[in-house]
Protein backbone atom coordinates (compact mmCIF):
# COMPACT_ATOMS: atom_id res chain seq x y z
CA MET A 1 -31.16 -10.19 0.32
CA GLY A 2 -31.50 -11.05 -3.34
CA ILE A 3 -30.86 -9.78 -6.85
CA LYS A 4 -33.92 -7.52 -6.58
CA ASP A 5 -32.40 -5.67 -3.61
CA ILE A 6 -29.15 -5.17 -5.50
CA LEU A 7 -30.86 -3.85 -8.63
CA GLN A 8 -32.77 -1.30 -6.55
CA LEU A 9 -29.52 0.42 -5.54
CA GLU A 10 -28.48 3.64 -7.23
CA LYS A 11 -26.17 3.23 -10.26
CA PRO A 12 -23.15 4.93 -8.57
CA LEU A 13 -23.52 2.46 -5.70
CA LEU A 14 -23.46 -0.50 -8.06
CA ILE A 15 -20.26 0.86 -9.61
CA LEU A 16 -18.72 1.34 -6.14
CA LEU A 17 -19.70 -2.16 -5.01
CA PHE A 18 -18.20 -3.69 -8.14
CA GLY A 19 -15.09 -1.65 -7.36
CA VAL A 20 -15.00 -3.16 -3.86
CA LEU A 21 -15.02 -6.63 -5.43
CA LEU A 22 -12.21 -5.64 -7.83
CA SER A 23 -10.04 -4.11 -5.09
CA HIS A 24 -10.32 -7.19 -2.89
CA LEU A 25 -9.69 -9.48 -5.86
CA GLY A 26 -6.53 -7.54 -6.76
CA THR A 27 -5.32 -7.25 -3.17
CA TYR A 28 -5.82 -10.91 -2.27
CA LEU A 29 -4.22 -12.21 -5.43
CA VAL A 30 -1.06 -10.75 -3.92
CA THR A 31 -1.47 -10.91 -0.12
CA PRO A 32 -1.05 -14.69 0.41
CA MET A 33 1.83 -14.99 -2.06
CA LEU A 34 3.82 -11.81 -1.43
CA PRO A 35 5.88 -13.09 1.56
CA ILE A 36 6.58 -16.33 -0.33
CA ILE A 37 7.77 -14.58 -3.51
CA LEU A 38 9.85 -12.08 -1.55
CA LYS A 39 11.59 -14.99 0.15
CA THR A 40 12.04 -17.38 -2.78
CA ASP A 41 12.50 -15.02 -5.75
CA ALA A 42 13.91 -11.83 -4.22
CA GLY A 43 15.95 -13.70 -1.61
CA LEU A 44 14.94 -11.39 1.24
CA SER A 45 15.41 -12.38 4.86
CA ILE A 46 12.34 -12.77 7.05
CA GLY A 47 13.22 -9.50 8.79
CA GLN A 48 13.39 -7.67 5.44
CA ILE A 49 10.04 -9.18 4.41
CA GLY A 50 8.51 -7.77 7.60
CA ILE A 51 9.90 -4.31 6.77
CA VAL A 52 8.43 -4.44 3.24
CA LEU A 53 4.99 -5.39 4.58
CA ALA A 54 5.23 -2.73 7.29
CA SER A 55 6.07 -0.13 4.63
CA ILE A 56 2.78 -0.92 2.88
CA ALA A 57 0.87 -0.38 6.13
CA ILE A 58 2.61 2.91 6.97
CA ALA A 59 2.15 4.29 3.46
CA PHE A 60 -1.51 3.32 3.61
CA GLN A 61 -2.03 5.64 6.56
CA VAL A 62 -0.36 8.54 4.77
CA GLY A 63 -2.54 7.82 1.76
CA SER A 64 -5.66 7.70 3.93
CA VAL A 65 -5.01 11.19 5.27
CA ALA A 66 -4.23 12.53 1.81
CA GLY A 67 -7.28 10.75 0.41
CA GLY A 68 -9.54 12.40 2.95
CA VAL A 69 -8.30 15.85 1.99
CA LEU A 70 -8.47 15.19 -1.76
CA ALA A 71 -11.92 13.61 -1.60
CA ASP A 72 -13.27 16.68 0.16
CA ARG A 73 -11.59 19.11 -2.22
CA ILE A 74 -11.70 17.52 -5.68
CA GLY A 75 -14.21 14.67 -5.34
CA ARG A 76 -14.44 11.03 -4.35
CA GLY A 77 -14.61 9.44 -7.81
CA PHE A 78 -11.38 11.07 -8.97
CA THR A 79 -9.62 10.18 -5.72
CA ILE A 80 -10.73 6.54 -5.93
CA GLY A 81 -9.40 6.29 -9.48
CA LEU A 82 -6.13 8.06 -8.66
CA GLY A 83 -5.51 5.75 -5.73
CA ALA A 84 -6.26 2.66 -7.83
CA LEU A 85 -3.83 3.78 -10.55
CA ILE A 86 -1.03 4.46 -8.04
CA ALA A 87 -1.70 1.08 -6.38
CA ALA A 88 -1.46 -0.58 -9.79
CA CYS A 89 1.99 0.93 -10.32
CA GLY A 90 3.11 -0.46 -6.95
CA LEU A 91 1.72 -3.93 -7.66
CA ILE A 92 3.40 -4.12 -11.06
CA GLY A 93 6.63 -2.95 -9.42
CA PHE A 94 6.67 -6.10 -7.29
CA GLY A 95 6.79 -8.07 -10.53
CA LEU A 96 9.74 -6.07 -11.84
CA PHE A 97 12.15 -5.59 -8.94
CA THR A 98 14.09 -7.86 -6.60
CA GLN A 99 16.41 -5.30 -4.93
CA PHE A 100 15.41 -4.56 -1.34
CA SER A 101 15.53 -0.76 -1.65
CA LEU A 102 13.38 -0.79 -4.79
CA LEU A 103 10.91 -3.17 -3.16
CA ILE A 104 10.54 -0.68 -0.29
CA VAL A 105 9.72 2.07 -2.82
CA THR A 106 7.26 -0.29 -4.53
CA ALA A 107 5.63 -1.15 -1.20
CA ILE A 108 5.24 2.53 -0.32
CA THR A 109 3.68 3.20 -3.73
CA MET A 110 1.19 0.37 -3.35
CA GLY A 111 0.31 1.34 0.22
CA PHE A 112 -0.18 5.01 -0.63
CA GLY A 113 -2.42 4.13 -3.57
CA THR A 114 -4.67 1.80 -1.60
CA GLY A 115 -4.76 4.44 1.14
CA LEU A 116 -6.14 6.98 -1.31
CA ASN A 117 -8.64 4.46 -2.67
CA ALA A 118 -10.13 2.65 0.33
CA PRO A 119 -11.49 5.44 2.58
CA SER A 120 -12.75 7.38 -0.45
CA THR A 121 -14.76 4.32 -1.45
CA LYS A 122 -16.26 3.99 2.04
CA ALA A 123 -17.20 7.67 2.12
CA ALA A 124 -18.68 7.49 -1.37
CA ILE A 125 -20.90 4.54 -0.44
CA ALA A 126 -22.16 6.41 2.60
CA ALA A 127 -22.76 9.56 0.52
CA PHE A 128 -24.42 8.01 -2.53
CA ALA A 129 -26.72 5.60 -0.69
CA SER A 130 -30.20 6.87 0.07
CA SER A 131 -31.25 6.54 3.72
CA GLU A 132 -33.42 3.48 3.01
CA ASN A 133 -30.60 1.75 1.09
CA GLN A 134 -27.65 2.40 3.40
CA THR A 135 -27.95 -0.83 5.37
CA THR A 136 -28.42 -2.87 2.18
CA ALA A 137 -25.46 -1.17 0.48
CA PHE A 138 -23.04 -1.88 3.32
CA SER A 139 -24.28 -5.45 3.68
CA ILE A 140 -23.73 -6.08 -0.03
CA ARG A 141 -20.35 -4.39 0.28
CA GLY A 142 -19.28 -7.10 2.72
CA ILE A 143 -20.50 -9.82 0.37
CA ALA A 144 -18.66 -8.22 -2.57
CA ALA A 145 -15.47 -8.03 -0.50
CA ASN A 146 -15.61 -11.72 0.37
CA ILE A 147 -16.44 -12.73 -3.20
CA GLY A 148 -13.32 -10.90 -4.32
CA THR A 149 -11.19 -12.43 -1.56
CA GLY A 150 -12.48 -15.94 -2.15
CA SER A 151 -12.14 -15.72 -5.93
CA ALA A 152 -8.53 -14.57 -5.60
CA GLY A 153 -7.58 -17.73 -3.73
CA LEU A 154 -9.23 -19.93 -6.35
CA ILE A 155 -7.46 -18.11 -9.20
CA VAL A 156 -4.05 -18.57 -7.56
CA PHE A 157 -4.74 -22.26 -6.85
CA PHE A 158 -6.18 -23.32 -10.21
CA LEU A 159 -4.61 -20.98 -12.78
CA LEU A 160 -1.10 -20.14 -11.60
CA THR A 161 1.98 -22.35 -11.63
CA GLY A 162 4.30 -22.07 -8.64
CA ALA A 163 5.02 -18.72 -7.00
CA SER A 164 4.55 -16.89 -10.32
CA LYS A 165 5.11 -13.13 -10.54
CA ILE A 166 2.30 -12.92 -13.07
CA ILE A 167 -0.07 -12.33 -10.14
CA PHE A 168 1.39 -8.83 -9.75
CA TRP A 169 0.63 -7.98 -13.38
CA ILE A 170 -2.89 -9.39 -13.10
CA ALA A 171 -3.52 -7.49 -9.86
CA GLY A 172 -2.13 -4.31 -11.42
CA GLY A 173 -4.45 -4.75 -14.40
CA ILE A 174 -7.43 -5.18 -12.07
CA TYR A 175 -6.60 -1.92 -10.28
CA ILE A 176 -6.21 -0.11 -13.63
CA LEU A 177 -9.70 -1.35 -14.56
CA LEU A 178 -10.94 -0.03 -11.21
CA ALA A 179 -9.39 3.38 -11.94
CA LEU A 180 -11.01 3.59 -15.38
CA GLN A 181 -14.47 2.64 -14.17
CA SER A 182 -14.24 5.19 -11.34
CA TRP A 183 -13.26 8.05 -13.64
CA ILE A 184 -15.80 7.16 -16.34
CA PHE A 185 -18.90 6.11 -14.41
CA LEU A 186 -18.81 7.83 -11.01
CA PRO A 187 -20.23 11.37 -10.59
CA LYS A 188 -17.73 14.21 -10.87
CA GLY A 189 -16.77 16.35 -7.87
CA CYS A 190 -18.49 15.67 -4.54
CA GLY A 191 -21.87 14.75 -5.98
CA ASP A 192 -24.84 16.70 -4.64
CA VAL A 193 -22.89 18.51 -1.92
CA PRO A 194 -20.16 21.15 -2.34
CA CYS A 195 -16.54 20.19 -1.75
CA GLU A 196 -15.51 21.69 1.57
CA GLY A 197 -12.71 21.48 4.11
CA ILE A 198 -12.33 20.13 7.63
CA PRO A 199 -14.15 22.13 10.35
CA LYS A 200 -12.05 23.69 13.09
CA GLY A 201 -11.81 21.84 16.38
CA ALA A 202 -12.86 18.46 14.97
CA TYR A 203 -9.66 16.68 15.99
CA LYS A 204 -9.61 18.32 19.41
CA GLN A 205 -12.91 16.73 20.39
CA ALA A 206 -11.59 13.29 19.50
CA PHE A 207 -8.27 13.66 21.33
CA GLN A 208 -10.04 14.94 24.45
CA ASN A 209 -12.17 11.80 24.56
CA LYS A 210 -10.15 9.87 27.15
CA PRO A 211 -12.01 6.50 26.90
CA PHE A 212 -11.59 6.57 23.11
CA MET A 213 -7.89 7.36 23.33
CA VAL A 214 -7.17 4.66 25.94
CA PHE A 215 -9.20 2.08 24.00
CA SER A 216 -7.37 3.04 20.79
CA PHE A 217 -3.98 2.64 22.49
CA VAL A 218 -4.87 -0.90 23.57
CA THR A 219 -6.12 -1.81 20.10
CA ILE A 220 -2.73 -0.90 18.60
CA PHE A 221 -1.33 -4.03 20.25
CA ILE A 222 -4.39 -6.09 19.27
CA TRP A 223 -3.83 -5.14 15.64
CA ALA A 224 -0.12 -5.93 15.97
CA LEU A 225 -1.02 -9.47 17.05
CA TYR A 226 -3.75 -9.70 14.41
CA ALA A 227 -1.24 -8.79 11.67
CA GLN A 228 0.92 -11.86 12.34
CA LEU A 229 -1.26 -14.29 10.37
CA SER A 230 -0.62 -12.70 6.96
CA LEU A 231 3.13 -12.90 7.66
CA ALA A 232 3.50 -16.19 9.52
CA LEU A 233 1.05 -18.34 7.55
CA PRO A 234 2.66 -17.95 4.07
CA LEU A 235 6.16 -18.36 5.49
CA ARG A 236 5.13 -21.48 7.38
CA ALA A 237 3.63 -22.82 4.14
CA THR A 238 7.02 -22.60 2.43
CA VAL A 239 8.39 -24.98 5.07
CA ILE A 240 5.73 -27.69 5.16
CA LEU A 241 3.94 -27.58 1.79
CA PRO A 242 5.37 -29.04 -1.43
CA GLU A 243 3.44 -26.35 -3.34
CA PRO A 244 3.37 -23.14 -1.23
CA LYS A 245 0.87 -21.41 -3.58
CA ASN A 246 -1.82 -23.69 -2.11
CA VAL A 247 -1.81 -21.41 0.93
CA ALA A 248 -4.00 -19.01 -1.11
CA LEU A 249 -6.86 -21.47 -0.68
CA ILE A 250 -6.86 -20.80 3.06
CA TRP A 251 -7.99 -17.23 2.41
CA THR A 252 -10.82 -18.59 0.26
CA ILE A 253 -11.84 -20.99 3.03
CA ASN A 254 -11.67 -18.19 5.60
CA SER A 255 -13.99 -16.06 3.45
CA LEU A 256 -16.48 -18.93 3.24
CA ILE A 257 -16.32 -19.36 7.02
CA VAL A 258 -17.09 -15.67 7.51
CA ILE A 259 -19.99 -15.67 5.04
CA SER A 260 -21.43 -18.75 6.78
CA LEU A 261 -20.84 -17.93 10.44
CA GLN A 262 -20.55 -14.15 10.93
CA GLY A 263 -24.29 -13.68 11.41
CA LEU A 264 -24.48 -16.59 13.86
CA ILE A 265 -21.51 -15.36 15.92
CA THR A 266 -22.90 -11.83 15.97
CA LYS A 267 -26.31 -13.08 17.10
CA ARG A 268 -25.22 -15.75 19.58
CA ILE A 269 -22.11 -14.18 21.10
CA ILE A 270 -21.43 -10.52 20.28
CA ARG A 271 -24.96 -9.29 21.04
CA LYS A 272 -25.26 -11.36 24.22
CA VAL A 273 -22.07 -10.40 26.06
CA GLU A 274 -20.34 -7.16 26.99
CA PRO A 275 -18.25 -5.75 24.12
CA LEU A 276 -14.93 -6.17 25.93
CA THR A 277 -15.81 -9.74 26.89
CA ALA A 278 -16.33 -10.53 23.21
CA LEU A 279 -13.06 -8.74 22.46
CA GLY A 280 -11.20 -10.87 25.01
CA LEU A 281 -12.65 -14.05 23.50
CA GLY A 282 -11.58 -12.90 20.06
CA ILE A 283 -8.02 -12.27 21.24
CA LEU A 284 -7.93 -15.76 22.74
CA PHE A 285 -8.94 -17.38 19.43
CA ILE A 286 -6.51 -15.41 17.25
CA THR A 287 -3.70 -16.18 19.73
CA ILE A 288 -4.45 -19.90 19.53
CA GLY A 289 -4.72 -19.70 15.74
CA ILE A 290 -1.34 -17.98 15.33
CA ALA A 291 0.51 -20.10 17.90
CA SER A 292 -0.83 -23.35 16.43
CA LEU A 293 0.72 -22.48 13.04
CA PHE A 294 4.14 -23.42 14.37
CA PHE A 295 2.96 -26.94 15.23
CA ALA A 296 1.26 -27.51 11.88
CA GLN A 297 2.74 -30.24 9.67
CA SER A 298 0.19 -30.42 6.83
CA PHE A 299 -2.16 -28.35 4.71
CA PHE A 300 -5.11 -29.51 6.83
CA HIS A 301 -3.40 -28.22 9.97
CA LEU A 302 -2.86 -24.84 8.31
CA ILE A 303 -6.56 -24.71 7.42
CA LEU A 304 -7.44 -25.55 11.02
CA SER A 305 -5.18 -22.79 12.36
CA GLY A 306 -6.67 -20.31 9.91
CA GLY A 307 -10.19 -21.37 10.90
CA VAL A 308 -9.50 -20.84 14.61
CA PHE A 309 -7.97 -17.45 13.83
CA VAL A 310 -10.92 -16.30 11.73
CA ILE A 311 -13.39 -17.18 14.51
CA GLY A 312 -11.53 -14.71 16.71
CA GLU A 313 -11.41 -12.23 13.85
CA MET A 314 -15.20 -12.35 13.52
CA MET A 315 -15.46 -11.32 17.18
CA ILE A 316 -12.73 -8.67 17.14
CA LEU A 317 -13.62 -6.68 14.01
CA PRO A 318 -17.28 -5.91 14.74
CA THR A 319 -16.64 -5.46 18.46
CA ILE A 320 -13.91 -2.87 17.99
CA ASP A 321 -15.95 -0.96 15.40
CA SER A 322 -19.15 -1.05 17.44
CA THR A 323 -17.23 0.13 20.53
CA ILE A 324 -15.72 3.03 18.58
CA SER A 325 -19.16 3.94 17.24
CA GLN A 326 -20.45 4.14 20.82
CA LEU A 327 -17.48 6.12 22.11
CA SER A 328 -17.69 8.63 19.25
CA LYS A 329 -19.97 11.62 18.95
CA GLY A 330 -22.67 10.96 16.36
CA GLU A 331 -21.88 13.98 14.20
CA LEU A 332 -18.16 13.14 14.17
CA ILE A 333 -18.38 9.39 13.66
CA GLY A 334 -16.45 9.67 10.39
CA LEU A 335 -13.55 11.38 12.15
CA PHE A 336 -13.42 8.75 14.89
CA PHE A 337 -13.32 5.95 12.33
CA ALA A 338 -10.64 7.75 10.35
CA LEU A 339 -8.53 7.89 13.51
CA SER A 340 -9.28 4.21 14.18
CA ASN A 341 -7.86 3.40 10.74
CA VAL A 342 -4.67 5.24 11.68
CA VAL A 343 -4.51 3.19 14.87
CA TYR A 344 -4.94 0.01 12.83
CA GLY A 345 -2.12 1.07 10.54
CA LEU A 346 0.22 1.74 13.45
CA GLY A 347 -0.52 -1.69 14.90
CA GLU A 348 -0.20 -3.47 11.57
CA ALA A 349 3.05 -1.74 10.63
CA GLY A 350 4.60 -2.31 14.04
CA GLY A 351 3.33 -5.88 14.19
CA LYS A 352 4.70 -6.88 10.80
CA SER A 353 8.03 -5.19 11.37
CA ALA A 354 8.44 -6.82 14.79
CA GLY A 355 6.97 -10.10 13.50
CA GLY A 356 9.59 -10.29 10.77
CA ARG A 357 12.35 -9.92 13.35
CA ILE A 358 10.77 -12.46 15.69
CA LEU A 359 10.35 -15.05 12.93
CA GLY A 360 13.89 -14.38 11.67
CA VAL A 361 15.54 -14.77 15.07
CA GLY A 362 13.32 -17.63 16.18
CA GLU A 363 13.29 -19.62 12.93
CA ASN A 364 12.96 -23.37 13.60
CA THR A 365 12.35 -22.69 17.31
CA LEU A 366 9.30 -22.15 19.50
CA THR A 367 10.37 -18.60 20.41
CA PRO A 368 7.60 -17.04 18.24
CA VAL A 369 5.00 -19.25 19.95
CA PHE A 370 6.13 -18.03 23.37
CA ILE A 371 6.14 -14.36 22.33
CA TYR A 372 2.75 -14.43 20.57
CA THR A 373 1.12 -16.43 23.36
CA THR A 374 2.49 -14.08 26.01
CA LEU A 375 1.27 -11.01 24.11
CA GLY A 376 -2.16 -12.55 23.66
CA LEU A 377 -2.51 -13.42 27.35
CA VAL A 378 -1.32 -9.97 28.43
CA LEU A 379 -3.88 -8.36 26.12
CA ILE A 380 -6.66 -10.52 27.55
CA VAL A 381 -5.70 -9.38 31.07
CA VAL A 382 -5.54 -5.73 29.96
CA VAL A 383 -8.96 -5.94 28.28
CA THR A 384 -10.38 -7.56 31.43
CA PHE A 385 -9.15 -4.65 33.55
CA LEU A 386 -10.30 -2.16 30.90
CA LYS A 387 -13.79 -3.62 31.16
CA LYS A 388 -13.85 -2.49 34.80
CA TRP A 389 -12.42 0.98 34.11
CA LYS A 390 -15.12 3.43 35.19
CA PRO A 391 -14.78 6.14 32.47
CA LEU A 392 -15.05 3.57 29.69
CA ARG A 393 -17.97 1.77 31.30
CA GLN A 394 -19.84 5.04 31.79
CA SER A 395 -19.25 6.08 28.17
CA LEU A 396 -20.57 2.77 26.85
CA GLN A 397 -23.55 2.84 29.20
CA GLN A 398 -24.44 6.39 28.13
CA ALA A 399 -24.14 5.42 24.47
CA SER A 400 -26.43 2.42 24.95
CA SER A 401 -29.16 4.68 26.34
CA LYS A 402 -29.14 7.13 23.41
CA GLU A 403 -32.11 7.05 21.09
CA ASN A 404 -30.01 7.57 17.96
CA LYS A 405 -27.59 4.70 18.52
CA PRO A 406 -27.19 2.15 15.70
CA LYS A 407 -29.90 -0.51 15.95
CA ASP A 408 -27.35 -3.30 15.62
CA ALA A 409 -23.64 -3.66 16.07
CA PRO A 410 -22.00 -3.55 12.65
CA ARG A 411 -21.57 -6.91 10.99
CA LEU A 412 -18.14 -6.92 9.42
CA PRO A 413 -16.73 -9.54 7.08
CA SER A 414 -13.18 -10.75 7.20
CA GLU A 415 -11.27 -8.26 5.10
CA PRO A 416 -8.26 -5.99 5.30
CA GLY A 417 -8.53 -3.50 8.14
CA GLN A 418 -8.23 -0.59 5.77
CA HIS A 419 -11.50 -1.67 4.11
CA ARG A 420 -13.43 -2.13 7.32
CA THR A 421 -17.05 -0.98 7.24
CA HIS A 422 -18.36 1.51 9.77
CA PRO A 423 -21.92 1.42 11.16
CA VAL A 424 -24.39 3.62 9.32
CA ASN A 425 -27.74 2.29 10.48
CA ARG A 426 -29.87 5.24 11.57
CA TRP A 427 -26.87 7.53 11.60
CA GLU A 428 -26.36 10.68 9.57
CA PRO A 429 -22.77 9.84 8.58
CA GLU A 430 -20.04 12.38 8.15
CA VAL A 431 -18.33 12.35 4.76
CA PHE A 432 -14.63 12.85 5.46
CA PHE A 433 -15.20 15.24 8.36
CA ARG A 434 -18.10 16.99 6.64
CA LYS A 435 -21.57 16.11 7.83
CA LYS A 436 -23.86 14.92 5.09
CA PRO A 437 -26.91 17.22 4.89
CA ARG A 438 -30.27 15.74 5.76
CA THR A 439 -32.75 15.26 2.96
CA GLU A 440 -36.30 16.30 3.63
């Protein structure tokens, strides 16, 4: 994939992909440093930090639902810009306030704004891409996301002094730029299709899908464990690093690992084993990565822990999404992925809230190691039994025999769950619960 492939994409797609880069750049300027600044500048306890981070996750889910409705009724471009502007207000608020109650309001504002923005961007990419460019567009989207994530870590490391609050103003400015480009350059309304509502009975079909519901329930706990890195790693850095801001480099290194190894792991592991076997392996790696943080005594050890974690992440993200794509009904794949985002949010919010309490109570002890390791091992056992559960096995076997299944499992980069890509190869994707019409 080269510059020629990128230039062949439609202009709205290029705008959207640049917006993906901007959103990840703005988000990851803040993500590694937020727990550190909340602890050192605002003086919050670890438990309070967990509540602030959980508030972002919960508000994101509310924003996602609202974004789906707005995108279908008033258009994707406007919704993307509105979400970016609201997120900018939340980010700037973190640079202004230190009172716990105001930080909760700020977190909710940021989460709601990114919730409006992220799913609208995904739906817009699926809608604006021509059938021959869909695979290219989503592949480039992953690259753009990792460029933004990696660049954010470099900016924090080389340009900022200490745990500076200026990152919130910079991130807010980036999201304002994203809002302006969306309102100015993206097509108005819903593009070439009329803005419509949600068809009746769409949710009922999803909730009656027992394998999907059981699998989703299990993934809530997987996401809760997965969410611990973004909380535990920065807080651990404040203990062992003379300059805690250097932790931002770990996110840059993780992005480079994903860009280098995701294709290899997909080819050598994910495509050669059963989905739930790959999922179990992923859980094992993220458990080791998180637990090893509490034994780390240097920056190198933190990098090593992050590297082990991201290997598991590269197995978990595409496996969960490919499994959901197989459990869903083709014409309702958008709905199933929307519900999977809600599940992610529940796990992330619960995980960060509980993680803050665990780290607060077990500070300077190995209690967190015991709890995270136990949860990881229990999840591996549950996934092993789930692999043998007949209804789920039959659903996956039936999906694998369908002629219209995606040619490949989706290749997903390391990025925030709310920005996760869904498979579109050979599918006629639904655009926020409305099926995109076929072009002759």
